Amino acid sequence: MAIILCPSCEKNISSNTMLCPYCGFQRGEVAEEQLKEFRRRKLRDRIYHFKMTSYAALLLLIIASGWFLVETSGFQRPSSIGPYVLFLVGTACYLVIRVYLFKFKVALRKLNL
């Protein structure tokens, strides 16, 4: 008996079990090429979701910029700390998302080879 990774949820399972106790993935009836395609599809889905999340982070940056401009009336008055915090949060979120996107794209390229 060996410990392997479930192709669906990537958790450790026994090689003797045909059904993942975590996600319910049946691995007994699946060929190796089908497992590879399943992994590709899962990575593409993750990439898609992270791209959509990156748009939300960019929206935070746009909102922070608009908030700053409205609050300062075109740089005539000092601004509160709110737009700066929102800008930093949006930037941090965007950068973290981009790192994960890069990681998933590299994994997808390796899987396609």
Protein backbone atom coordinates (compact mmCIF):
# COMPACT_ATOMS: atom_id res chain seq x y z
CA MET A 1 0.00 0.00 0.00
CA ALA A 2 1.38 3.38 -1.04
CA ILE A 3 0.23 6.90 -0.39
CA ILE A 4 -0.63 8.82 -3.57
CA LEU A 5 -2.19 12.19 -4.39
CA CYS A 6 -5.82 12.30 -5.43
CA PRO A 7 -5.96 13.81 -8.95
CA SER A 8 -9.01 15.85 -8.02
CA CYS A 9 -8.32 17.37 -4.60
CA GLU A 10 -4.57 16.59 -4.37
CA LYS A 11 -4.85 15.16 -0.86
CA ASN A 12 -2.99 12.04 0.29
CA ILE A 13 -4.98 8.82 -0.15
CA SER A 14 -4.19 5.13 -0.15
CA SER A 15 -3.31 3.55 -3.49
CA ASN A 16 -5.71 0.68 -2.68
CA THR A 17 -8.82 2.85 -2.48
CA MET A 18 -10.77 3.46 -5.66
CA LEU A 19 -12.80 6.37 -4.25
CA CYS A 20 -11.27 9.46 -2.66
CA PRO A 21 -12.73 9.91 0.85
CA TYR A 22 -12.31 13.72 0.57
CA CYS A 23 -13.84 14.60 -2.81
CA GLY A 24 -15.40 11.35 -4.08
CA PHE A 25 -13.22 11.09 -7.20
CA GLN A 26 -13.25 7.55 -8.67
CA ARG A 27 -9.80 6.65 -9.83
CA GLY A 28 -10.23 2.96 -10.59
CA GLU A 29 -11.99 3.38 -13.92
CA VAL A 30 -9.92 6.30 -15.19
CA ALA A 31 -7.02 5.91 -17.64
CA GLU A 32 -3.79 7.87 -17.22
CA GLU A 33 -4.59 10.13 -20.19
CA GLN A 34 -7.98 10.96 -18.69
CA LEU A 35 -6.29 11.85 -15.39
CA LYS A 36 -3.92 14.15 -17.25
CA GLU A 37 -6.83 15.84 -19.01
CA PHE A 38 -8.66 16.17 -15.67
CA ARG A 39 -5.60 17.92 -14.17
CA ARG A 40 -5.33 20.22 -17.20
CA ARG A 41 -8.98 21.17 -16.91
CA LYS A 42 -8.64 21.83 -13.19
CA LEU A 43 -5.61 24.09 -13.76
CA ARG A 44 -7.41 25.98 -16.53
CA ASP A 45 -10.36 26.52 -14.18
CA ARG A 46 -8.06 27.83 -11.46
CA ILE A 47 -6.36 30.17 -13.92
CA TYR A 48 -9.76 31.48 -15.06
CA HIS A 49 -10.94 32.12 -11.49
CA PHE A 50 -7.72 33.85 -10.51
CA LYS A 51 -7.93 36.08 -13.59
CA MET A 52 -11.45 37.11 -12.60
CA THR A 53 -10.25 37.80 -9.06
CA SER A 54 -7.41 39.92 -10.41
CA TYR A 55 -10.01 42.11 -12.13
CA ALA A 56 -11.66 42.64 -8.74
CA ALA A 57 -8.29 43.70 -7.29
CA LEU A 58 -7.84 46.15 -10.17
CA LEU A 59 -11.29 47.50 -9.44
CA LEU A 60 -10.14 48.21 -5.87
CA LEU A 61 -7.26 50.24 -7.29
CA ILE A 62 -9.61 52.23 -9.51
CA ILE A 63 -11.99 52.87 -6.60
CA ALA A 64 -9.08 54.00 -4.40
CA SER A 65 -7.92 56.41 -7.11
CA GLY A 66 -11.41 57.82 -7.58
CA TRP A 67 -11.88 58.16 -3.84
CA PHE A 68 -8.60 60.03 -3.58
CA LEU A 69 -9.48 62.42 -6.41
CA VAL A 70 -12.97 63.13 -5.09
CA GLU A 71 -11.76 63.63 -1.54
CA THR A 72 -8.91 65.94 -2.46
CA SER A 73 -10.92 67.88 -5.07
CA GLY A 74 -8.15 67.69 -7.61
CA PHE A 75 -5.23 67.88 -5.15
CA GLN A 76 -6.53 71.02 -3.41
CA ARG A 77 -7.06 69.46 0.06
CA PRO A 78 -5.24 66.73 2.00
CA SER A 79 -6.76 63.27 1.87
CA SER A 80 -7.68 60.90 4.69
CA ILE A 81 -5.91 57.56 5.12
CA GLY A 82 -8.78 55.59 3.52
CA PRO A 83 -7.76 55.78 -0.14
CA TYR A 84 -4.16 54.92 0.72
CA VAL A 85 -5.20 51.82 2.67
CA LEU A 86 -7.54 50.70 -0.09
CA PHE A 87 -4.80 51.24 -2.66
CA LEU A 88 -2.31 49.17 -0.62
CA VAL A 89 -4.84 46.37 -0.08
CA GLY A 90 -5.71 46.31 -3.79
CA THR A 91 -2.05 46.29 -4.80
CA ALA A 92 -1.17 43.50 -2.36
CA CYS A 93 -4.13 41.40 -3.52
CA TYR A 94 -3.25 41.93 -7.17
CA LEU A 95 0.39 40.95 -6.67
CA VAL A 96 -0.48 37.80 -4.72
CA ILE A 97 -3.00 36.79 -7.38
CA ARG A 98 -0.42 37.33 -10.13
CA VAL A 99 2.08 35.09 -8.31
CA TYR A 100 -0.51 32.30 -8.10
CA LEU A 101 -1.42 32.80 -11.76
CA PHE A 102 2.23 32.44 -12.72
CA LYS A 103 2.51 29.28 -10.61
CA PHE A 104 -0.58 27.70 -12.21
CA LYS A 105 0.51 28.63 -15.74
CA VAL A 106 3.92 27.00 -15.17
CA ALA A 107 2.20 23.87 -13.85
CA LEU A 108 -0.09 23.80 -16.89
CA ARG A 109 2.88 24.13 -19.25
CA LYS A 110 4.63 21.23 -17.49
CA LEU A 111 1.49 19.14 -17.75
CA ASN A 112 1.16 19.84 -21.49
CA LEU A 113 4.66 18.55 -22.22
